[in-house]
Amino acid sequence: MGIQTAMSATMMCSFGAAPSTLIVADPRVMTENKPGANIMDNKPIANIPPFGVCSSLANPTVASATAAALGVLTPMPCVPVIPAPWAPGSPTVMERGMPALNNSSKCMCTWAGVISITVPGATTVMVP
C-alpha cells in the first residue's frame, strides 16, 4: 500500500538538479488538512514546477547548449513537458473523479525524465 500524495509533496526528476513541490490547485478533497492529489495533477508549472536545471540531451535547449560548448554537457533551465498523467495511481480510491495519486506513482517528461514522489506530503493516509 502506498501513501496518499497531497499538496506540498516533494518530487524529483531524474534529469533535474533540484527537488520541486507538487501544487494541487483544486482543494475539494483534503488529506491530512492538505488538498489531495489525483493522477491528473500533472500540468507543467501549474502542478509540477521546474526542477532547477535540466541535463537531458533529449531537451533541445540542453542539446544546443552542449553543442555550442563543443560537447561539454551544459544544463539549461528546466521547463517540464508532461504529455500523460501520473501512473499508475490508486485503482480503488478516487479523488475529484480520478484515481488518487500515491507515493509510488511516476510521471514521464517528454525530455526523458522520470518524475517521482520523494516525500508524499501525507504520512498516515494509505491507499492501494
N, C-alpha and C. Protein backbone atom coordinates (compact mmCIF):
# COMPACT_ATOMS: atom_id res chain seq x y z
N MET A 1 0.85 -1.19 0.00
CA MET A 1 0.00 0.00 0.00
C MET A 1 0.88 1.24 0.00
N GLY A 2 0.45 2.19 -0.81
CA GLY A 2 1.18 3.44 -0.89
C GLY A 2 0.60 4.48 0.05
N ILE A 3 1.29 5.58 0.16
CA ILE A 3 0.84 6.69 0.98
C ILE A 3 0.21 7.74 0.06
N GLN A 4 -0.94 8.26 0.47
CA GLN A 4 -1.64 9.28 -0.31
C GLN A 4 -0.74 10.50 -0.51
N THR A 5 -0.76 11.06 -1.71
CA THR A 5 0.03 12.25 -2.01
C THR A 5 -0.86 13.48 -1.90
N ALA A 6 -0.32 14.52 -1.29
CA ALA A 6 -1.09 15.74 -1.06
C ALA A 6 -0.25 16.96 -1.45
N MET A 7 -0.90 18.11 -1.42
CA MET A 7 -0.23 19.39 -1.69
C MET A 7 1.04 19.48 -0.85
N SER A 8 2.07 19.99 -1.39
CA SER A 8 3.40 20.17 -0.77
C SER A 8 4.24 18.91 -0.82
N ALA A 9 3.80 17.88 -1.54
CA ALA A 9 4.64 16.69 -1.73
C ALA A 9 5.90 17.10 -2.47
N THR A 10 7.00 16.46 -2.13
CA THR A 10 8.27 16.76 -2.79
C THR A 10 8.49 15.77 -3.92
N MET A 11 8.89 16.29 -5.08
CA MET A 11 9.11 15.47 -6.27
C MET A 11 10.54 15.68 -6.75
N MET A 12 11.03 14.70 -7.51
CA MET A 12 12.35 14.82 -8.12
C MET A 12 12.29 14.26 -9.53
N CYS A 13 13.00 14.91 -10.45
CA CYS A 13 13.11 14.42 -11.83
C CYS A 13 14.50 13.80 -11.99
N SER A 14 14.56 12.72 -12.74
CA SER A 14 15.84 12.02 -12.91
C SER A 14 16.88 12.88 -13.65
N PHE A 15 16.46 13.90 -14.40
CA PHE A 15 17.40 14.78 -15.07
C PHE A 15 17.42 16.18 -14.47
N GLY A 16 16.65 16.43 -13.41
CA GLY A 16 16.62 17.73 -12.77
C GLY A 16 17.71 17.85 -11.72
N ALA A 17 18.05 19.08 -11.38
CA ALA A 17 19.10 19.33 -10.41
C ALA A 17 18.56 19.62 -9.01
N ALA A 18 17.29 19.94 -8.89
CA ALA A 18 16.73 20.32 -7.59
C ALA A 18 15.34 19.70 -7.43
N PRO A 19 14.92 19.48 -6.20
CA PRO A 19 13.56 18.97 -5.98
C PRO A 19 12.53 20.07 -6.27
N SER A 20 11.29 19.65 -6.40
CA SER A 20 10.19 20.58 -6.64
C SER A 20 9.02 20.17 -5.75
N THR A 21 8.05 21.05 -5.61
CA THR A 21 6.91 20.81 -4.72
C THR A 21 5.62 20.75 -5.52
N LEU A 22 4.86 19.67 -5.34
CA LEU A 22 3.59 19.48 -6.04
C LEU A 22 2.58 20.54 -5.61
N ILE A 23 1.88 21.08 -6.59
CA ILE A 23 0.82 22.06 -6.34
C ILE A 23 -0.51 21.43 -6.74
N VAL A 24 -1.46 21.41 -5.82
CA VAL A 24 -2.81 20.91 -6.11
C VAL A 24 -3.71 22.14 -6.11
N ALA A 25 -4.20 22.50 -7.28
CA ALA A 25 -4.97 23.74 -7.44
C ALA A 25 -6.42 23.62 -7.00
N ASP A 26 -6.96 22.40 -6.95
CA ASP A 26 -8.38 22.20 -6.63
C ASP A 26 -8.50 21.54 -5.26
N PRO A 27 -8.81 22.30 -4.21
CA PRO A 27 -8.80 21.76 -2.85
C PRO A 27 -10.12 21.12 -2.39
N ARG A 28 -10.84 20.44 -3.28
CA ARG A 28 -12.12 19.84 -2.89
C ARG A 28 -11.96 18.66 -1.95
N VAL A 29 -10.90 17.87 -2.10
CA VAL A 29 -10.69 16.69 -1.25
C VAL A 29 -9.45 16.95 -0.40
N MET A 30 -9.61 16.81 0.92
CA MET A 30 -8.49 17.08 1.82
C MET A 30 -7.88 15.78 2.34
N THR A 31 -6.56 15.77 2.45
CA THR A 31 -5.81 14.66 3.00
C THR A 31 -4.90 15.25 4.07
N GLU A 32 -5.18 14.91 5.33
CA GLU A 32 -4.42 15.46 6.44
C GLU A 32 -4.39 16.99 6.38
N ASN A 33 -5.54 17.60 6.15
CA ASN A 33 -5.73 19.05 6.07
C ASN A 33 -4.96 19.72 4.93
N LYS A 34 -4.62 18.96 3.90
CA LYS A 34 -4.00 19.49 2.70
C LYS A 34 -4.79 18.98 1.50
N PRO A 35 -4.84 19.75 0.41
CA PRO A 35 -5.54 19.24 -0.78
C PRO A 35 -4.91 17.94 -1.28
N GLY A 36 -5.73 16.93 -1.50
CA GLY A 36 -5.27 15.64 -2.00
C GLY A 36 -5.06 15.69 -3.51
N ALA A 37 -4.09 14.92 -4.00
CA ALA A 37 -3.76 14.93 -5.42
C ALA A 37 -4.34 13.71 -6.13
N ASN A 38 -4.63 13.88 -7.43
CA ASN A 38 -5.02 12.74 -8.26
C ASN A 38 -4.08 12.66 -9.47
N ILE A 39 -4.27 11.64 -10.30
CA ILE A 39 -3.33 11.40 -11.40
C ILE A 39 -3.33 12.51 -12.45
N MET A 40 -4.36 13.35 -12.46
CA MET A 40 -4.42 14.44 -13.44
C MET A 40 -3.77 15.73 -12.95
N ASP A 41 -3.18 15.70 -11.77
CA ASP A 41 -2.42 16.85 -11.28
C ASP A 41 -1.01 16.76 -11.90
N ASN A 42 -0.95 16.89 -13.20
CA ASN A 42 0.28 16.70 -13.95
C ASN A 42 0.61 17.87 -14.89
N LYS A 43 -0.02 19.01 -14.69
CA LYS A 43 0.18 20.13 -15.60
C LYS A 43 1.52 20.81 -15.28
N PRO A 44 2.36 21.01 -16.32
CA PRO A 44 3.63 21.72 -16.09
C PRO A 44 3.37 23.12 -15.54
N ILE A 45 4.20 23.55 -14.66
CA ILE A 45 4.17 24.84 -13.99
C ILE A 45 2.98 24.94 -13.02
N ALA A 46 1.76 24.65 -13.47
CA ALA A 46 0.58 24.76 -12.60
C ALA A 46 0.61 23.72 -11.47
N ASN A 47 0.97 22.47 -11.77
CA ASN A 47 1.06 21.41 -10.76
C ASN A 47 2.49 20.96 -10.51
N ILE A 48 3.30 20.93 -11.56
CA ILE A 48 4.67 20.44 -11.46
C ILE A 48 5.62 21.58 -11.85
N PRO A 49 6.13 22.31 -10.85
CA PRO A 49 7.08 23.40 -11.15
C PRO A 49 8.42 22.85 -11.65
N PRO A 50 9.27 23.70 -12.22
CA PRO A 50 10.58 23.25 -12.72
C PRO A 50 11.48 22.66 -11.63
N PHE A 51 12.43 21.86 -12.07
CA PHE A 51 13.38 21.18 -11.18
C PHE A 51 14.78 21.81 -11.31
N GLY A 52 14.87 23.10 -11.26
CA GLY A 52 16.17 23.77 -11.38
C GLY A 52 16.64 23.76 -12.82
N VAL A 53 17.73 23.03 -13.09
CA VAL A 53 18.23 22.92 -14.45
C VAL A 53 18.09 21.48 -14.93
N CYS A 54 17.96 21.32 -16.24
CA CYS A 54 17.79 20.01 -16.88
C CYS A 54 19.11 19.59 -17.52
N SER A 55 19.46 18.31 -17.40
CA SER A 55 20.69 17.82 -18.01
C SER A 55 20.43 16.73 -19.06
N SER A 56 19.19 16.65 -19.56
CA SER A 56 18.84 15.64 -20.56
C SER A 56 19.18 16.14 -21.97
N LEU A 57 19.94 15.34 -22.69
CA LEU A 57 20.26 15.71 -24.08
C LEU A 57 19.05 15.59 -24.99
N ALA A 58 17.96 14.99 -24.52
CA ALA A 58 16.73 14.96 -25.30
C ALA A 58 16.05 16.33 -25.29
N ASN A 59 16.40 17.17 -24.34
CA ASN A 59 15.87 18.53 -24.27
C ASN A 59 16.63 19.39 -25.30
N PRO A 60 15.93 19.99 -26.27
CA PRO A 60 16.61 20.74 -27.33
C PRO A 60 17.49 21.88 -26.82
N THR A 61 17.10 22.54 -25.74
CA THR A 61 17.94 23.64 -25.24
C THR A 61 19.25 23.12 -24.66
N VAL A 62 19.19 21.97 -23.98
CA VAL A 62 20.41 21.35 -23.43
C VAL A 62 21.29 20.86 -24.57
N ALA A 63 20.68 20.23 -25.58
CA ALA A 63 21.45 19.72 -26.72
C ALA A 63 22.16 20.85 -27.47
N SER A 64 21.47 21.96 -27.69
CA SER A 64 22.11 23.06 -28.43
C SER A 64 23.18 23.75 -27.59
N ALA A 65 22.96 23.90 -26.30
CA ALA A 65 23.98 24.50 -25.43
C ALA A 65 25.20 23.59 -25.33
N THR A 66 24.97 22.28 -25.29
CA THR A 66 26.07 21.32 -25.24
C THR A 66 26.86 21.33 -26.55
N ALA A 67 26.16 21.43 -27.67
CA ALA A 67 26.84 21.51 -28.96
C ALA A 67 27.67 22.79 -29.06
N ALA A 68 27.13 23.89 -28.56
CA ALA A 68 27.85 25.17 -28.58
C ALA A 68 29.08 25.13 -27.68
N ALA A 69 29.05 24.28 -26.65
CA ALA A 69 30.18 24.14 -25.73
C ALA A 69 31.11 23.01 -26.17
N LEU A 70 31.05 22.66 -27.45
CA LEU A 70 31.92 21.63 -28.04
C LEU A 70 31.81 20.28 -27.35
N GLY A 71 30.56 19.91 -27.01
CA GLY A 71 30.30 18.59 -26.45
C GLY A 71 30.34 18.49 -24.95
N VAL A 72 30.63 19.56 -24.27
CA VAL A 72 30.61 19.55 -22.80
C VAL A 72 29.16 19.74 -22.34
N LEU A 73 28.65 18.77 -21.58
CA LEU A 73 27.26 18.84 -21.13
C LEU A 73 26.99 20.16 -20.43
N THR A 74 26.00 20.88 -20.94
CA THR A 74 25.66 22.20 -20.40
C THR A 74 24.19 22.19 -20.01
N PRO A 75 23.89 21.99 -18.71
CA PRO A 75 22.49 22.01 -18.27
C PRO A 75 21.85 23.38 -18.53
N MET A 76 20.56 23.33 -18.82
CA MET A 76 19.80 24.55 -19.08
C MET A 76 18.57 24.56 -18.18
N PRO A 77 17.89 25.72 -18.04
CA PRO A 77 16.72 25.78 -17.16
C PRO A 77 15.67 24.73 -17.50
N CYS A 78 15.13 24.12 -16.48
CA CYS A 78 14.11 23.08 -16.62
C CYS A 78 12.76 23.71 -16.95
N VAL A 79 12.13 23.19 -17.98
CA VAL A 79 10.74 23.51 -18.29
C VAL A 79 10.08 22.17 -18.58
N PRO A 80 9.43 21.55 -17.57
CA PRO A 80 8.87 20.22 -17.79
C PRO A 80 7.78 20.22 -18.86
N VAL A 81 7.75 19.15 -19.64
CA VAL A 81 6.70 18.92 -20.63
C VAL A 81 6.13 17.55 -20.30
N ILE A 82 4.90 17.54 -19.81
CA ILE A 82 4.27 16.31 -19.31
C ILE A 82 3.13 15.92 -20.24
N PRO A 83 3.31 14.89 -21.08
CA PRO A 83 2.27 14.52 -22.04
C PRO A 83 1.19 13.59 -21.50
N ALA A 84 1.42 12.96 -20.35
CA ALA A 84 0.48 11.95 -19.85
C ALA A 84 0.31 12.09 -18.34
N PRO A 85 -0.78 11.55 -17.79
CA PRO A 85 -1.00 11.61 -16.34
C PRO A 85 0.01 10.76 -15.57
N TRP A 86 -0.01 10.95 -14.26
CA TRP A 86 0.76 10.10 -13.37
C TRP A 86 0.27 8.66 -13.52
N ALA A 87 1.16 7.70 -13.33
CA ALA A 87 0.77 6.29 -13.42
C ALA A 87 1.48 5.51 -12.32
N PRO A 88 0.89 4.52 -11.71
CA PRO A 88 -0.42 4.01 -12.03
C PRO A 88 -1.55 4.68 -11.25
N GLY A 89 -1.32 5.32 -10.14
CA GLY A 89 -2.41 5.85 -9.33
C GLY A 89 -3.07 4.74 -8.53
N SER A 90 -4.03 5.11 -7.72
CA SER A 90 -4.73 4.13 -6.89
C SER A 90 -5.88 3.51 -7.68
N PRO A 91 -5.97 2.18 -7.74
CA PRO A 91 -7.04 1.55 -8.52
C PRO A 91 -8.41 1.63 -7.87
N THR A 92 -8.49 1.90 -6.57
CA THR A 92 -9.78 1.88 -5.89
C THR A 92 -10.18 3.18 -5.21
N VAL A 93 -9.25 4.09 -4.98
CA VAL A 93 -9.56 5.35 -4.31
C VAL A 93 -9.63 6.47 -5.34
N MET A 94 -10.77 7.16 -5.39
CA MET A 94 -10.96 8.24 -6.35
C MET A 94 -10.93 9.59 -5.64
N GLU A 95 -10.32 10.57 -6.29
CA GLU A 95 -10.32 11.95 -5.82
C GLU A 95 -10.70 12.84 -6.98
N ARG A 96 -11.75 13.63 -6.81
CA ARG A 96 -12.24 14.51 -7.86
C ARG A 96 -12.50 13.72 -9.15
N GLY A 97 -13.01 12.48 -9.02
CA GLY A 97 -13.41 11.68 -10.16
C GLY A 97 -12.29 10.94 -10.88
N MET A 98 -11.07 11.00 -10.37
CA MET A 98 -9.92 10.32 -10.98
C MET A 98 -9.19 9.53 -9.90
N PRO A 99 -8.37 8.53 -10.29
CA PRO A 99 -7.62 7.77 -9.28
C PRO A 99 -6.71 8.67 -8.44
N ALA A 100 -6.66 8.39 -7.15
CA ALA A 100 -5.82 9.15 -6.24
C ALA A 100 -4.35 8.91 -6.55
N LEU A 101 -3.53 9.90 -6.28
CA LEU A 101 -2.09 9.80 -6.51
C LEU A 101 -1.43 9.27 -5.25
N ASN A 102 -0.59 8.23 -5.40
CA ASN A 102 0.14 7.74 -4.24
C ASN A 102 1.64 7.90 -4.46
N ASN A 103 2.41 7.61 -3.43
CA ASN A 103 3.85 7.90 -3.48
C ASN A 103 4.64 6.99 -4.42
N SER A 104 4.02 5.94 -4.95
CA SER A 104 4.74 5.07 -5.89
C SER A 104 4.44 5.42 -7.35
N SER A 105 3.58 6.39 -7.59
CA SER A 105 3.25 6.81 -8.95
C SER A 105 4.43 7.55 -9.58
N LYS A 106 4.53 7.44 -10.90
CA LYS A 106 5.59 8.11 -11.66
C LYS A 106 4.95 8.92 -12.78
N CYS A 107 5.69 9.90 -13.26
CA CYS A 107 5.23 10.75 -14.36
C CYS A 107 6.42 10.93 -15.30
N MET A 108 6.17 10.85 -16.59
CA MET A 108 7.25 10.98 -17.57
C MET A 108 7.27 12.38 -18.18
N CYS A 109 8.46 12.90 -18.35
CA CYS A 109 8.66 14.17 -19.04
C CYS A 109 9.04 13.86 -20.49
N THR A 110 8.64 14.69 -21.41
CA THR A 110 8.97 14.49 -22.81
C THR A 110 10.48 14.44 -23.03
N TRP A 111 11.23 15.11 -22.17
CA TRP A 111 12.69 15.17 -22.32
C TRP A 111 13.37 13.97 -21.64
N ALA A 112 12.65 12.85 -21.46
CA ALA A 112 13.15 11.56 -20.97
C ALA A 112 13.31 11.47 -19.46
N GLY A 113 12.90 12.47 -18.72
CA GLY A 113 13.00 12.42 -17.27
C GLY A 113 11.86 11.63 -16.66
N VAL A 114 12.15 10.96 -15.55
CA VAL A 114 11.13 10.26 -14.78
C VAL A 114 10.93 11.05 -13.49
N ILE A 115 9.70 11.53 -13.30
CA ILE A 115 9.38 12.32 -12.11
C ILE A 115 8.77 11.38 -11.08
N SER A 116 9.32 11.41 -9.88
CA SER A 116 8.83 10.55 -8.81
C SER A 116 8.56 11.37 -7.56
N ILE A 117 7.74 10.80 -6.69
CA ILE A 117 7.40 11.43 -5.41
C ILE A 117 8.43 10.97 -4.38
N THR A 118 9.13 11.91 -3.77
CA THR A 118 10.12 11.54 -2.75
C THR A 118 9.55 11.67 -1.34
N VAL A 119 8.74 12.70 -1.10
CA VAL A 119 8.05 12.88 0.18
C VAL A 119 6.59 13.14 -0.17
N PRO A 120 5.66 12.25 0.22
CA PRO A 120 4.29 12.33 -0.28
C PRO A 120 3.41 13.48 0.24
N GLY A 121 3.83 14.20 1.24
CA GLY A 121 3.00 15.28 1.76
C GLY A 121 2.03 14.85 2.81
N ALA A 122 1.71 13.57 2.89
CA ALA A 122 0.86 12.98 3.92
C ALA A 122 1.68 11.86 4.58
N THR A 123 1.29 11.50 5.78
CA THR A 123 2.05 10.46 6.47
C THR A 123 1.21 9.29 6.95
N THR A 124 -0.09 9.49 7.12
CA THR A 124 -0.90 8.42 7.71
C THR A 124 -1.98 7.85 6.81
N VAL A 125 -2.29 8.49 5.70
CA VAL A 125 -3.36 8.02 4.83
C VAL A 125 -2.78 7.06 3.80
N MET A 126 -3.20 5.79 3.88
CA MET A 126 -2.70 4.76 2.97
C MET A 126 -3.74 4.51 1.87
N VAL A 127 -3.26 4.36 0.64
CA VAL A 127 -4.12 4.00 -0.49
C VAL A 127 -3.44 2.87 -1.27
N PRO A 128 -4.21 1.98 -1.88
CA PRO A 128 -3.58 0.89 -2.64
C PRO A 128 -2.89 1.39 -3.89
